[in-house]
Amino acid sequence: MKEVILKRFENPDEVREFEKGRFEIIHIGGLTIGRATYQPGWKWSEHVGKGLRVEHCEVEHVGMVVSGCAVAAMKGGAIIELNEGCLFYIPPEPHDSWVVGEEPYVSLHFLGADHYTR
């Protein structure tokens, strides 16, 4: 019988921290799953991209919003609101993102977590 593995984000395998946010990584069952936590005022281009010297994120994302609200703003002009309970797919095209409102934003990332913030 194969071993059952249980993990929790309270004890992640890796943590990537940046101003107004953090991205926790868990490796399990051949997958890399991330949990993003962003504070009000967080914006990808300012708090992640600036440190990477790039203007836009180009990582492909599949995820689910756990709490809060953010937007994904595609370079082509589309702005998509991401709310609690929403499952999302963001293609690997240039985009920015930011928290909307005064509540922290938390999301789980099932695709793209291994490359995010790198």
PDB file of N, CA and C in Angstrom:
ATOM      1  N   MET A   1       0.829  -1.175   0.000  1.00  0.00           N
ATOM      2  CA  MET A   1       0.000   0.000   0.000  1.00  0.00           C
ATOM      3  C   MET A   1       0.881   1.249   0.000  1.00  0.00           C
ATOM      4  N   LYS A   2       0.504   2.233  -0.810  1.00  0.00           N
ATOM      5  CA  LYS A   2       1.250   3.492  -0.851  1.00  0.00           C
ATOM      6  C   LYS A   2       0.895   4.341   0.345  1.00  0.00           C
ATOM      7  N   GLU A   3       1.833   5.188   0.717  1.00  0.00           N
ATOM      8  CA  GLU A   3       1.673   6.055   1.876  1.00  0.00           C
ATOM      9  C   GLU A   3       0.731   7.227   1.577  1.00  0.00           C
ATOM     10  N   VAL A   4      -0.158   7.520   2.498  1.00  0.00           N
ATOM     11  CA  VAL A   4      -1.017   8.699   2.424  1.00  0.00           C
ATOM     12  C   VAL A   4      -0.223   9.872   3.005  1.00  0.00           C
ATOM     13  N   ILE A   5      -0.248  11.002   2.318  1.00  0.00           N
ATOM     14  CA  ILE A   5       0.494  12.179   2.760  1.00  0.00           C
ATOM     15  C   ILE A   5      -0.495  13.292   3.075  1.00  0.00           C
ATOM     16  N   LEU A   6      -0.344  13.893   4.236  1.00  0.00           N
ATOM     17  CA  LEU A   6      -1.154  15.037   4.641  1.00  0.00           C
ATOM     18  C   LEU A   6      -0.235  16.217   4.903  1.00  0.00           C
ATOM     19  N   LYS A   7      -0.591  17.374   4.380  1.00  0.00           N
ATOM     20  CA  LYS A   7       0.179  18.597   4.626  1.00  0.00           C
ATOM     21  C   LYS A   7      -0.790  19.731   4.878  1.00  0.00           C
ATOM     22  N   ARG A   8      -0.263  20.802   5.502  1.00  0.00           N
ATOM     23  CA  ARG A   8      -1.064  21.991   5.783  1.00  0.00           C
ATOM     24  C   ARG A   8      -0.243  23.228   5.442  1.00  0.00           C
ATOM     25  N   PHE A   9      -0.939  24.290   5.051  1.00  0.00           N
ATOM     26  CA  PHE A   9      -0.236  25.529   4.742  1.00  0.00           C
ATOM     27  C   PHE A   9       0.368  26.187   5.980  1.00  0.00           C
ATOM     28  N   GLU A  10      -0.030  25.769   7.174  1.00  0.00           N
ATOM     29  CA  GLU A  10       0.595  26.277   8.384  1.00  0.00           C
ATOM     30  C   GLU A  10       2.056  25.835   8.482  1.00  0.00           C
ATOM     31  N   ASN A  11       2.423  24.812   7.717  1.00  0.00           N
ATOM     32  CA  ASN A  11       3.802  24.319   7.690  1.00  0.00           C
ATOM     33  C   ASN A  11       4.202  24.079   6.230  1.00  0.00           C
ATOM     34  N   PRO A  12       4.331  25.158   5.418  1.00  0.00           N
ATOM     35  CA  PRO A  12       4.610  24.994   3.993  1.00  0.00           C
ATOM     36  C   PRO A  12       6.032  24.506   3.730  1.00  0.00           C
ATOM     37  N   ASP A  13       6.235  23.978   2.529  1.00  0.00           N
ATOM     38  CA  ASP A  13       7.572  23.554   2.119  1.00  0.00           C
ATOM     39  C   ASP A  13       8.457  24.741   1.774  1.00  0.00           C
ATOM     40  N   GLU A  14       7.847  25.832   1.341  1.00  0.00           N
ATOM     41  CA  GLU A  14       8.586  27.026   0.939  1.00  0.00           C
ATOM     42  C   GLU A  14       7.678  28.242   1.130  1.00  0.00           C
ATOM     43  N   VAL A  15       8.284  29.379   1.483  1.00  0.00           N
ATOM     44  CA  VAL A  15       7.546  30.638   1.607  1.00  0.00           C
ATOM     45  C   VAL A  15       8.291  31.703   0.813  1.00  0.00           C
ATOM     46  N   ARG A  16       7.564  32.396  -0.047  1.00  0.00           N
ATOM     47  CA  ARG A  16       8.116  33.521  -0.805  1.00  0.00           C
ATOM     48  C   ARG A  16       7.433  34.780  -0.269  1.00  0.00           C
ATOM     49  N   GLU A  17       8.199  35.647   0.380  1.00  0.00           N
ATOM     50  CA  GLU A  17       7.624  36.848   0.970  1.00  0.00           C
ATOM     51  C   GLU A  17       8.032  38.074   0.183  1.00  0.00           C
ATOM     52  N   PHE A  18       7.134  39.053   0.133  1.00  0.00           N
ATOM     53  CA  PHE A  18       7.379  40.322  -0.531  1.00  0.00           C
ATOM     54  C   PHE A  18       6.496  41.351   0.155  1.00  0.00           C
ATOM     55  N   GLU A  19       6.708  42.610  -0.127  1.00  0.00           N
ATOM     56  CA  GLU A  19       5.947  43.661   0.521  1.00  0.00           C
ATOM     57  C   GLU A  19       4.439  43.438   0.334  1.00  0.00           C
ATOM     58  N   LYS A  20       3.705  43.486   1.423  1.00  0.00           N
ATOM     59  CA  LYS A  20       2.245  43.340   1.460  1.00  0.00           C
ATOM     60  C   LYS A  20       1.751  41.958   1.036  1.00  0.00           C
ATOM     61  N   GLY A  21       2.647  40.961   1.005  1.00  0.00           N
ATOM     62  CA  GLY A  21       2.160  39.647   0.615  1.00  0.00           C
ATOM     63  C   GLY A  21       3.124  38.518   0.877  1.00  0.00           C
ATOM     64  N   ARG A  22       2.580  37.324   0.709  1.00  0.00           N
ATOM     65  CA  ARG A  22       3.396  36.111   0.821  1.00  0.00           C
ATOM     66  C   ARG A  22       2.750  35.023  -0.015  1.00  0.00           C
ATOM     67  N   PHE A  23       3.593  34.099  -0.465  1.00  0.00           N
ATOM     68  CA  PHE A  23       3.136  32.982  -1.282  1.00  0.00           C
ATOM     69  C   PHE A  23       3.739  31.726  -0.684  1.00  0.00           C
ATOM     70  N   GLU A  24       2.872  30.858  -0.166  1.00  0.00           N
ATOM     71  CA  GLU A  24       3.316  29.629   0.485  1.00  0.00           C
ATOM     72  C   GLU A  24       3.162  28.467  -0.488  1.00  0.00           C
ATOM     73  N   ILE A  25       4.151  27.590  -0.491  1.00  0.00           N
ATOM     74  CA  ILE A  25       4.210  26.479  -1.446  1.00  0.00           C
ATOM     75  C   ILE A  25       4.171  25.149  -0.703  1.00  0.00           C
ATOM     76  N   ILE A  26       3.371  24.224  -1.258  1.00  0.00           N
ATOM     77  CA  ILE A  26       3.349  22.835  -0.778  1.00  0.00           C
ATOM     78  C   ILE A  26       3.549  21.925  -1.982  1.00  0.00           C
ATOM     79  N   HIS A  27       4.447  20.968  -1.829  1.00  0.00           N
ATOM     80  CA  HIS A  27       4.666  19.931  -2.849  1.00  0.00           C
ATOM     81  C   HIS A  27       3.991  18.664  -2.335  1.00  0.00           C
ATOM     82  N   ILE A  28       3.058  18.137  -3.141  1.00  0.00           N
ATOM     83  CA  ILE A  28       2.332  16.942  -2.700  1.00  0.00           C
ATOM     84  C   ILE A  28       1.799  16.179  -3.917  1.00  0.00           C
ATOM     85  N   GLY A  29       1.981  14.888  -3.922  1.00  0.00           N
ATOM     86  CA  GLY A  29       1.447  14.046  -4.993  1.00  0.00           C
ATOM     87  C   GLY A  29       1.905  14.453  -6.384  1.00  0.00           C
ATOM     88  N   GLY A  30       3.118  14.952  -6.506  1.00  0.00           N
ATOM     89  CA  GLY A  30       3.632  15.380  -7.805  1.00  0.00           C
ATOM     90  C   GLY A  30       3.158  16.763  -8.223  1.00  0.00           C
ATOM     91  N   LEU A  31       2.394  17.451  -7.366  1.00  0.00           N
ATOM     92  CA  LEU A  31       1.885  18.791  -7.660  1.00  0.00           C
ATOM     93  C   LEU A  31       2.586  19.836  -6.805  1.00  0.00           C
ATOM     94  N   THR A  32       2.592  21.057  -7.291  1.00  0.00           N
ATOM     95  CA  THR A  32       3.023  22.204  -6.507  1.00  0.00           C
ATOM     96  C   THR A  32       1.804  23.101  -6.348  1.00  0.00           C
ATOM     97  N   ILE A  33       1.353  23.276  -5.115  1.00  0.00           N
ATOM     98  CA  ILE A  33       0.159  24.077  -4.826  1.00  0.00           C
ATOM     99  C   ILE A  33       0.591  25.277  -3.990  1.00  0.00           C
ATOM    100  N   GLY A  34       0.055  26.446  -4.335  1.00  0.00           N
ATOM    101  CA  GLY A  34       0.416  27.660  -3.618  1.00  0.00           C
ATOM    102  C   GLY A  34      -0.772  28.311  -2.951  1.00  0.00           C
ATOM    103  N   ARG A  35      -0.483  29.040  -1.884  1.00  0.00           N
ATOM    104  CA  ARG A  35      -1.501  29.878  -1.243  1.00  0.00           C
ATOM    105  C   ARG A  35      -0.959  31.296  -1.216  1.00  0.00           C
ATOM    106  N   ALA A  36      -1.682  32.194  -1.891  1.00  0.00           N
ATOM    107  CA  ALA A  36      -1.320  33.604  -1.938  1.00  0.00           C
ATOM    108  C   ALA A  36      -2.121  34.356  -0.884  1.00  0.00           C
ATOM    109  N   THR A  37      -1.450  35.203  -0.131  1.00  0.00           N
ATOM    110  CA  THR A  37      -2.110  36.078   0.833  1.00  0.00           C
ATOM    111  C   THR A  37      -1.589  37.489   0.588  1.00  0.00           C
ATOM    112  N   TYR A  38      -2.482  38.382   0.188  1.00  0.00           N
ATOM    113  CA  TYR A  38      -2.115  39.759  -0.144  1.00  0.00           C
ATOM    114  C   TYR A  38      -2.914  40.720   0.720  1.00  0.00           C
ATOM    115  N   GLN A  39      -2.244  41.735   1.232  1.00  0.00           N
ATOM    116  CA  GLN A  39      -2.881  42.739   2.072  1.00  0.00           C
ATOM    117  C   GLN A  39      -3.492  43.847   1.213  1.00  0.00           C
ATOM    118  N   PRO A  40      -4.462  44.587   1.765  1.00  0.00           N
ATOM    119  CA  PRO A  40      -5.009  45.725   1.026  1.00  0.00           C
ATOM    120  C   PRO A  40      -3.877  46.645   0.550  1.00  0.00           C
ATOM    121  N   GLY A  41      -3.994  47.117  -0.674  1.00  0.00           N
ATOM    122  CA  GLY A  41      -2.964  47.971  -1.260  1.00  0.00           C
ATOM    123  C   GLY A  41      -1.928  47.213  -2.072  1.00  0.00           C
ATOM    124  N   TRP A  42      -1.945  45.861  -2.001  1.00  0.00           N
ATOM    125  CA  TRP A  42      -0.985  45.061  -2.770  1.00  0.00           C
ATOM    126  C   TRP A  42      -1.293  45.155  -4.257  1.00  0.00           C
ATOM    127  N   LYS A  43      -0.218  45.286  -5.055  1.00  0.00           N
ATOM    128  CA  LYS A  43      -0.332  45.284  -6.513  1.00  0.00           C
ATOM    129  C   LYS A  43       0.860  44.513  -7.067  1.00  0.00           C
ATOM    130  N   TRP A  44       0.603  43.558  -7.975  1.00  0.00           N
ATOM    131  CA  TRP A  44       1.670  42.697  -8.484  1.00  0.00           C
ATOM    132  C   TRP A  44       2.814  43.512  -9.083  1.00  0.00           C
ATOM    133  N   SER A  45       2.501  44.471  -9.958  1.00  0.00           N
ATOM    134  CA  SER A  45       3.553  45.231 -10.648  1.00  0.00           C
ATOM    135  C   SER A  45       4.437  46.013  -9.682  1.00  0.00           C
ATOM    136  N   GLU A  46       3.888  46.443  -8.548  1.00  0.00           N
ATOM    137  CA  GLU A  46       4.663  47.207  -7.571  1.00  0.00           C
ATOM    138  C   GLU A  46       5.373  46.325  -6.551  1.00  0.00           C
ATOM    139  N   HIS A  47       4.696  45.306  -6.063  1.00  0.00           N
ATOM    140  CA  HIS A  47       5.219  44.546  -4.934  1.00  0.00           C
ATOM    141  C   HIS A  47       5.897  43.230  -5.297  1.00  0.00           C
ATOM    142  N   VAL A  48       5.743  42.786  -6.528  1.00  0.00           N
ATOM    143  CA  VAL A  48       6.434  41.582  -7.008  1.00  0.00           C
ATOM    144  C   VAL A  48       7.253  41.932  -8.260  1.00  0.00           C
ATOM    145  N   GLY A  49       6.592  42.460  -9.268  1.00  0.00           N
ATOM    146  CA  GLY A  49       7.244  42.750 -10.544  1.00  0.00           C
ATOM    147  C   GLY A  49       8.413  43.697 -10.443  1.00  0.00           C
ATOM    148  N   LYS A  50       8.296  44.707  -9.601  1.00  0.00           N
ATOM    149  CA  LYS A  50       9.369  45.687  -9.450  1.00  0.00           C
ATOM    150  C   LYS A  50      10.674  45.009  -9.031  1.00  0.00           C
ATOM    151  N   GLY A  51      10.576  44.069  -8.085  1.00  0.00           N
ATOM    152  CA  GLY A  51      11.756  43.338  -7.630  1.00  0.00           C
ATOM    153  C   GLY A  51      12.323  42.396  -8.680  1.00  0.00           C
ATOM    154  N   LEU A  52      11.459  41.941  -9.597  1.00  0.00           N
ATOM    155  CA  LEU A  52      11.895  41.059 -10.682  1.00  0.00           C
ATOM    156  C   LEU A  52      12.306  41.849 -11.922  1.00  0.00           C
ATOM    157  N   ARG A  53      12.088  43.169 -11.873  1.00  0.00           N
ATOM    158  CA  ARG A  53      12.372  44.077 -12.991  1.00  0.00           C
ATOM    159  C   ARG A  53      11.530  43.755 -14.226  1.00  0.00           C
ATOM    160  N   VAL A  54      10.256  43.420 -13.985  1.00  0.00           N
ATOM    161  CA  VAL A  54       9.301  43.190 -15.072  1.00  0.00           C
ATOM    162  C   VAL A  54       7.998  43.909 -14.738  1.00  0.00           C
ATOM    163  N   GLU A  55       7.268  44.323 -15.773  1.00  0.00           N
ATOM    164  CA  GLU A  55       6.037  45.082 -15.583  1.00  0.00           C
ATOM    165  C   GLU A  55       4.806  44.201 -15.398  1.00  0.00           C
ATOM    166  N   HIS A  56       4.827  42.997 -15.980  1.00  0.00           N
ATOM    167  CA  HIS A  56       3.634  42.141 -15.968  1.00  0.00           C
ATOM    168  C   HIS A  56       3.989  40.713 -15.576  1.00  0.00           C
ATOM    169  N   CYS A  57       3.030  40.060 -14.941  1.00  0.00           N
ATOM    170  CA  CYS A  57       3.132  38.630 -14.688  1.00  0.00           C
ATOM    171  C   CYS A  57       2.749  37.907 -15.980  1.00  0.00           C
ATOM    172  N   GLU A  58       3.455  36.850 -16.318  1.00  0.00           N
ATOM    173  CA  GLU A  58       3.118  36.063 -17.497  1.00  0.00           C
ATOM    174  C   GLU A  58       2.933  34.592 -17.152  1.00  0.00           C
ATOM    175  N   VAL A  59       2.712  34.313 -15.861  1.00  0.00           N
ATOM    176  CA  VAL A  59       2.503  32.943 -15.399  1.00  0.00           C
ATOM    177  C   VAL A  59       1.053  32.541 -15.662  1.00  0.00           C
ATOM    178  N   GLU A  60       0.865  31.317 -16.113  1.00  0.00           N
ATOM    179  CA  GLU A  60      -0.468  30.749 -16.291  1.00  0.00           C
ATOM    180  C   GLU A  60      -0.980  30.313 -14.916  1.00  0.00           C
ATOM    181  N   HIS A  61      -2.209  30.706 -14.581  1.00  0.00           N
ATOM    182  CA  HIS A  61      -2.766  30.406 -13.261  1.00  0.00           C
ATOM    183  C   HIS A  61      -4.079  29.632 -13.368  1.00  0.00           C
ATOM    184  N   VAL A  62      -4.234  28.634 -12.527  1.00  0.00           N
ATOM    185  CA  VAL A  62      -5.531  28.024 -12.248  1.00  0.00           C
ATOM    186  C   VAL A  62      -5.648  28.043 -10.733  1.00  0.00           C
ATOM    187  N   GLY A  63      -6.734  28.618 -10.227  1.00  0.00           N
ATOM    188  CA  GLY A  63      -6.845  28.724  -8.788  1.00  0.00           C
ATOM    189  C   GLY A  63      -8.255  28.936  -8.309  1.00  0.00           C
ATOM    190  N   MET A  64      -8.348  29.222  -7.014  1.00  0.00           N
ATOM    191  CA  MET A  64      -9.629  29.467  -6.375  1.00  0.00           C
ATOM    192  C   MET A  64      -9.449  30.543  -5.316  1.00  0.00           C
ATOM    193  N   VAL A  65     -10.362  31.509  -5.296  1.00  0.00           N
ATOM    194  CA  VAL A  65     -10.327  32.576  -4.307  1.00  0.00           C
ATOM    195  C   VAL A  65     -10.949  32.053  -3.015  1.00  0.00           C
ATOM    196  N   VAL A  66     -10.188  32.127  -1.933  1.00  0.00           N
ATOM    197  CA  VAL A  66     -10.662  31.689  -0.623  1.00  0.00           C
ATOM    198  C   VAL A  66     -11.385  32.831   0.089  1.00  0.00           C
ATOM    199  N   SER A  67     -10.816  34.036   0.000  1.00  0.00           N
ATOM    200  CA  SER A  67     -11.456  35.195   0.631  1.00  0.00           C
ATOM    201  C   SER A  67     -10.935  36.478   0.000  1.00  0.00           C
ATOM    202  N   GLY A  68     -11.715  37.532   0.166  1.00  0.00           N
ATOM    203  CA  GLY A  68     -11.326  38.831  -0.356  1.00  0.00           C
ATOM    204  C   GLY A  68     -11.655  39.000  -1.825  1.00  0.00           C
ATOM    205  N   CYS A  69     -11.113  40.068  -2.401  1.00  0.00           N
ATOM    206  CA  CYS A  69     -11.377  40.396  -3.797  1.00  0.00           C
ATOM    207  C   CYS A  69     -10.124  40.994  -4.414  1.00  0.00           C
ATOM    208  N   ALA A  70      -9.854  40.615  -5.655  1.00  0.00           N
ATOM    209  CA  ALA A  70      -8.745  41.170  -6.426  1.00  0.00           C
ATOM    210  C   ALA A  70      -9.191  41.250  -7.876  1.00  0.00           C
ATOM    211  N   VAL A  71      -8.395  41.892  -8.694  1.00  0.00           N
ATOM    212  CA  VAL A  71      -8.651  41.890 -10.130  1.00  0.00           C
ATOM    213  C   VAL A  71      -7.416  41.388 -10.845  1.00  0.00           C
ATOM    214  N   ALA A  72      -7.655  40.792 -12.009  1.00  0.00           N
ATOM    215  CA  ALA A  72      -6.591  40.463 -12.958  1.00  0.00           C
ATOM    216  C   ALA A  72      -6.817  41.399 -14.130  1.00  0.00           C
ATOM    217  N   ALA A  73      -5.819  42.200 -14.437  1.00  0.00           N
ATOM    218  CA  ALA A  73      -5.918  43.184 -15.520  1.00  0.00           C
ATOM    219  C   ALA A  73      -5.002  42.748 -16.651  1.00  0.00           C
ATOM    220  N   MET A  74      -5.611  42.288 -17.746  1.00  0.00           N
ATOM    221  CA  MET A  74      -4.852  41.806 -18.891  1.00  0.00           C
ATOM    222  C   MET A  74      -4.262  42.998 -19.647  1.00  0.00           C
ATOM    223  N   LYS A  75      -3.077  42.822 -20.204  1.00  0.00           N
ATOM    224  CA  LYS A  75      -2.412  43.899 -20.935  1.00  0.00           C
ATOM    225  C   LYS A  75      -3.292  44.429 -22.069  1.00  0.00           C
ATOM    226  N   GLY A  76      -4.136  43.585 -22.648  1.00  0.00           N
ATOM    227  CA  GLY A  76      -5.034  43.986 -23.720  1.00  0.00           C
ATOM    228  C   GLY A  76      -6.201  44.846 -23.268  1.00  0.00           C
ATOM    229  N   GLY A  77      -6.373  45.030 -21.943  1.00  0.00           N
ATOM    230  CA  GLY A  77      -7.413  45.917 -21.448  1.00  0.00           C
ATOM    231  C   GLY A  77      -8.503  45.261 -20.626  1.00  0.00           C
ATOM    232  N   ALA A  78      -8.699  43.954 -20.745  1.00  0.00           N
ATOM    233  CA  ALA A  78      -9.745  43.275 -19.966  1.00  0.00           C
ATOM    234  C   ALA A  78      -9.383  43.289 -18.479  1.00  0.00           C
ATOM    235  N   ILE A  79     -10.375  43.576 -17.634  1.00  0.00           N
ATOM    236  CA  ILE A  79     -10.195  43.543 -16.183  1.00  0.00           C
ATOM    237  C   ILE A  79     -11.222  42.564 -15.616  1.00  0.00           C
ATOM    238  N   ILE A  80     -10.720  41.534 -14.946  1.00  0.00           N
ATOM    239  CA  ILE A  80     -11.569  40.464 -14.429  1.00  0.00           C
ATOM    240  C   ILE A  80     -11.534  40.506 -12.910  1.00  0.00           C
ATOM    241  N   GLU A  81     -12.709  40.579 -12.273  1.00  0.00           N
ATOM    242  CA  GLU A  81     -12.783  40.606 -10.818  1.00  0.00           C
ATOM    243  C   GLU A  81     -12.802  39.176 -10.281  1.00  0.00           C
ATOM    244  N   LEU A  82     -12.000  38.935  -9.268  1.00  0.00           N
ATOM    245  CA  LEU A  82     -11.881  37.619  -8.638  1.00  0.00           C
ATOM    246  C   LEU A  82     -12.420  37.715  -7.218  1.00  0.00           C
ATOM    247  N   ASN A  83     -13.553  37.051  -6.959  1.00  0.00           N
ATOM    248  CA  ASN A  83     -14.231  37.110  -5.664  1.00  0.00           C
ATOM    249  C   ASN A  83     -14.216  35.761  -4.969  1.00  0.00           C
ATOM    250  N   GLU A  84     -14.479  35.795  -3.672  1.00  0.00           N
ATOM    251  CA  GLU A  84     -14.522  34.597  -2.836  1.00  0.00           C
ATOM    252  C   GLU A  84     -15.353  33.491  -3.482  1.00  0.00           C
ATOM    253  N   GLY A  85     -14.774  32.283  -3.544  1.00  0.00           N
ATOM    254  CA  GLY A  85     -15.452  31.126  -4.107  1.00  0.00           C
ATOM    255  C   GLY A  85     -15.249  30.942  -5.598  1.00  0.00           C
ATOM    256  N   CYS A  86     -14.691  31.934  -6.254  1.00  0.00           N
ATOM    257  CA  CYS A  86     -14.483  31.906  -7.702  1.00  0.00           C
ATOM    258  C   CYS A  86     -13.300  31.010  -8.061  1.00  0.00           C
ATOM    259  N   LEU A  87     -13.525  30.112  -9.015  1.00  0.00           N
ATOM    260  CA  LEU A  87     -12.423  29.361  -9.625  1.00  0.00           C
ATOM    261  C   LEU A  87     -11.976  30.162 -10.837  1.00  0.00           C
ATOM    262  N   PHE A  88     -10.665  30.270 -11.050  1.00  0.00           N
ATOM    263  CA  PHE A  88     -10.191  31.112 -12.149  1.00  0.00           C
ATOM    264  C   PHE A  88      -9.105  30.442 -12.980  1.00  0.00           C
ATOM    265  N   TYR A  89      -9.086  30.834 -14.242  1.00  0.00           N
ATOM    266  CA  TYR A  89      -8.011  30.493 -15.169  1.00  0.00           C
ATOM    267  C   TYR A  89      -7.525  31.802 -15.774  1.00  0.00           C
ATOM    268  N   ILE A  90      -6.243  32.066 -15.648  1.00  0.00           N
ATOM    269  CA  ILE A  90      -5.627  33.237 -16.264  1.00  0.00           C
ATOM    270  C   ILE A  90      -4.556  32.719 -17.212  1.00  0.00           C
ATOM    271  N   PRO A  91      -4.687  33.030 -18.514  1.00  0.00           N
ATOM    272  CA  PRO A  91      -3.729  32.509 -19.494  1.00  0.00           C
ATOM    273  C   PRO A  91      -2.336  33.109 -19.304  1.00  0.00           C
ATOM    274  N   PRO A  92      -1.316  32.456 -19.881  1.00  0.00           N
ATOM    275  CA  PRO A  92       0.057  32.943 -19.751  1.00  0.00           C
ATOM    276  C   PRO A  92       0.320  34.145 -20.662  1.00  0.00           C
ATOM    277  N   GLU A  93      -0.455  35.186 -20.457  1.00  0.00           N
ATOM    278  CA  GLU A  93      -0.327  36.442 -21.200  1.00  0.00           C
ATOM    279  C   GLU A  93      -0.054  37.547 -20.194  1.00  0.00           C
ATOM    280  N   PRO A  94       0.592  38.629 -20.607  1.00  0.00           N
ATOM    281  CA  PRO A  94       0.920  39.698 -19.656  1.00  0.00           C
ATOM    282  C   PRO A  94      -0.315  40.225 -18.922  1.00  0.00           C
ATOM    283  N   HIS A  95      -0.208  40.269 -17.596  1.00  0.00           N
ATOM    284  CA  HIS A  95      -1.290  40.788 -16.769  1.00  0.00           C
ATOM    285  C   HIS A  95      -0.738  41.354 -15.469  1.00  0.00           C
ATOM    286  N   ASP A  96      -1.506  42.215 -14.866  1.00  0.00           N
ATOM    287  CA  ASP A  96      -1.217  42.759 -13.549  1.00  0.00           C
ATOM    288  C   ASP A  96      -2.354  42.306 -12.640  1.00  0.00           C
ATOM    289  N   SER A  97      -2.220  42.513 -11.354  1.00  0.00           N
ATOM    290  CA  SER A  97      -3.267  42.136 -10.417  1.00  0.00           C
ATOM    291  C   SER A  97      -3.135  43.014  -9.188  1.00  0.00           C
ATOM    292  N   TRP A  98      -4.270  43.287  -8.521  1.00  0.00           N
ATOM    293  CA  TRP A  98      -4.227  44.052  -7.287  1.00  0.00           C
ATOM    294  C   TRP A  98      -5.430  43.726  -6.424  1.00  0.00           C
ATOM    295  N   VAL A  99      -5.261  43.974  -5.118  1.00  0.00           N
ATOM    296  CA  VAL A  99      -6.335  43.736  -4.144  1.00  0.00           C
ATOM    297  C   VAL A  99      -7.337  44.877  -4.244  1.00  0.00           C
ATOM    298  N   VAL A 100      -8.613  44.521  -4.167  1.00  0.00           N
ATOM    299  CA  VAL A 100      -9.701  45.492  -4.163  1.00  0.00           C
ATOM    300  C   VAL A 100     -10.301  45.513  -2.760  1.00  0.00           C
ATOM    301  N   GLY A 101     -10.467  46.684  -2.190  1.00  0.00           N
ATOM    302  CA  GLY A 101     -11.103  46.809  -0.889  1.00  0.00           C
ATOM    303  C   GLY A 101     -10.125  46.760   0.269  1.00  0.00           C
ATOM    304  N   GLU A 102     -10.682  46.649   1.449  1.00  0.00           N
ATOM    305  CA  GLU A 102      -9.901  46.721   2.697  1.00  0.00           C
ATOM    306  C   GLU A 102      -9.703  45.369   3.375  1.00  0.00           C
ATOM    307  N   GLU A 103     -10.069  44.298   2.708  1.00  0.00           N
ATOM    308  CA  GLU A 103      -9.931  42.946   3.270  1.00  0.00           C
ATOM    309  C   GLU A 103      -8.757  42.237   2.579  1.00  0.00           C
ATOM    310  N   PRO A 104      -7.942  41.488   3.333  1.00  0.00           N
ATOM    311  CA  PRO A 104      -6.888  40.708   2.677  1.00  0.00           C
ATOM    312  C   PRO A 104      -7.487  39.739   1.654  1.00  0.00           C
ATOM    313  N   TYR A 105      -6.717  39.451   0.619  1.00  0.00           N
ATOM    314  CA  TYR A 105      -7.115  38.525  -0.447  1.00  0.00           C
ATOM    315  C   TYR A 105      -6.314  37.240  -0.274  1.00  0.00           C
ATOM    316  N   VAL A 106      -7.000  36.111  -0.309  1.00  0.00           N
ATOM    317  CA  VAL A 106      -6.343  34.803  -0.188  1.00  0.00           C
ATOM    318  C   VAL A 106      -6.839  33.917  -1.321  1.00  0.00           C
ATOM    319  N   SER A 107      -5.902  33.276  -2.030  1.00  0.00           N
ATOM    320  CA  SER A 107      -6.283  32.346  -3.098  1.00  0.00           C
ATOM    321  C   SER A 107      -5.349  31.147  -3.105  1.00  0.00           C
ATOM    322  N   LEU A 108      -5.873  30.029  -3.607  1.00  0.00           N
ATOM    323  CA  LEU A 108      -5.093  28.814  -3.806  1.00  0.00           C
ATOM    324  C   LEU A 108      -4.749  28.716  -5.285  1.00  0.00           C
ATOM    325  N   HIS A 109      -3.532  28.277  -5.582  1.00  0.00           N
ATOM    326  CA  HIS A 109      -3.065  28.171  -6.970  1.00  0.00           C
ATOM    327  C   HIS A 109      -2.675  26.719  -7.255  1.00  0.00           C
ATOM    328  N   PHE A 110      -3.376  26.112  -8.210  1.00  0.00           N
ATOM    329  CA  PHE A 110      -3.160  24.710  -8.559  1.00  0.00           C
ATOM    330  C   PHE A 110      -2.278  24.549  -9.792  1.00  0.00           C
ATOM    331  N   LEU A 111      -2.138  25.607 -10.571  1.00  0.00           N
ATOM    332  CA  LEU A 111      -1.250  25.622 -11.742  1.00  0.00           C
ATOM    333  C   LEU A 111      -0.508  26.944 -11.715  1.00  0.00           C
ATOM    334  N   GLY A 112       0.790  26.899 -11.927  1.00  0.00           N
ATOM    335  CA  GLY A 112       1.594  28.109 -11.979  1.00  0.00           C
ATOM    336  C   GLY A 112       2.333  28.423 -10.702  1.00  0.00           C
ATOM    337  N   ALA A 113       2.030  27.715  -9.611  1.00  0.00           N
ATOM    338  CA  ALA A 113       2.640  28.023  -8.321  1.00  0.00           C
ATOM    339  C   ALA A 113       4.153  27.847  -8.325  1.00  0.00           C
ATOM    340  N   ASP A 114       4.654  26.880  -9.072  1.00  0.00           N
ATOM    341  CA  ASP A 114       6.099  26.642  -9.080  1.00  0.00           C
ATOM    342  C   ASP A 114       6.868  27.794  -9.722  1.00  0.00           C
ATOM    343  N   HIS A 115       6.255  28.563 -10.624  1.00  0.00           N
ATOM    344  CA  HIS A 115       6.933  29.656 -11.320  1.00  0.00           C
ATOM    345  C   HIS A 115       6.570  31.037 -10.780  1.00  0.00           C
ATOM    346  N   TYR A 116       5.556  31.110  -9.932  1.00  0.00           N
ATOM    347  CA  TYR A 116       5.042  32.400  -9.486  1.00  0.00           C
ATOM    348  C   TYR A 116       6.055  33.128  -8.608  1.00  0.00           C
ATOM    349  N   THR A 117       6.205  34.400  -8.798  1.00  0.00           N
ATOM    350  CA  THR A 117       7.123  35.317  -8.108  1.00  0.00           C
ATOM    351  C   THR A 117       8.594  35.016  -8.406  1.00  0.00           C
ATOM    352  N   ARG A 118       8.865  34.305  -9.480  1.00  0.00           N
ATOM    353  CA  ARG A 118      10.271  34.010  -9.837  1.00  0.00           C
ATOM    354  C   ARG A 118      10.604  34.618 -11.169  1.00  0.00           C
TER     355      ARG A 118
END
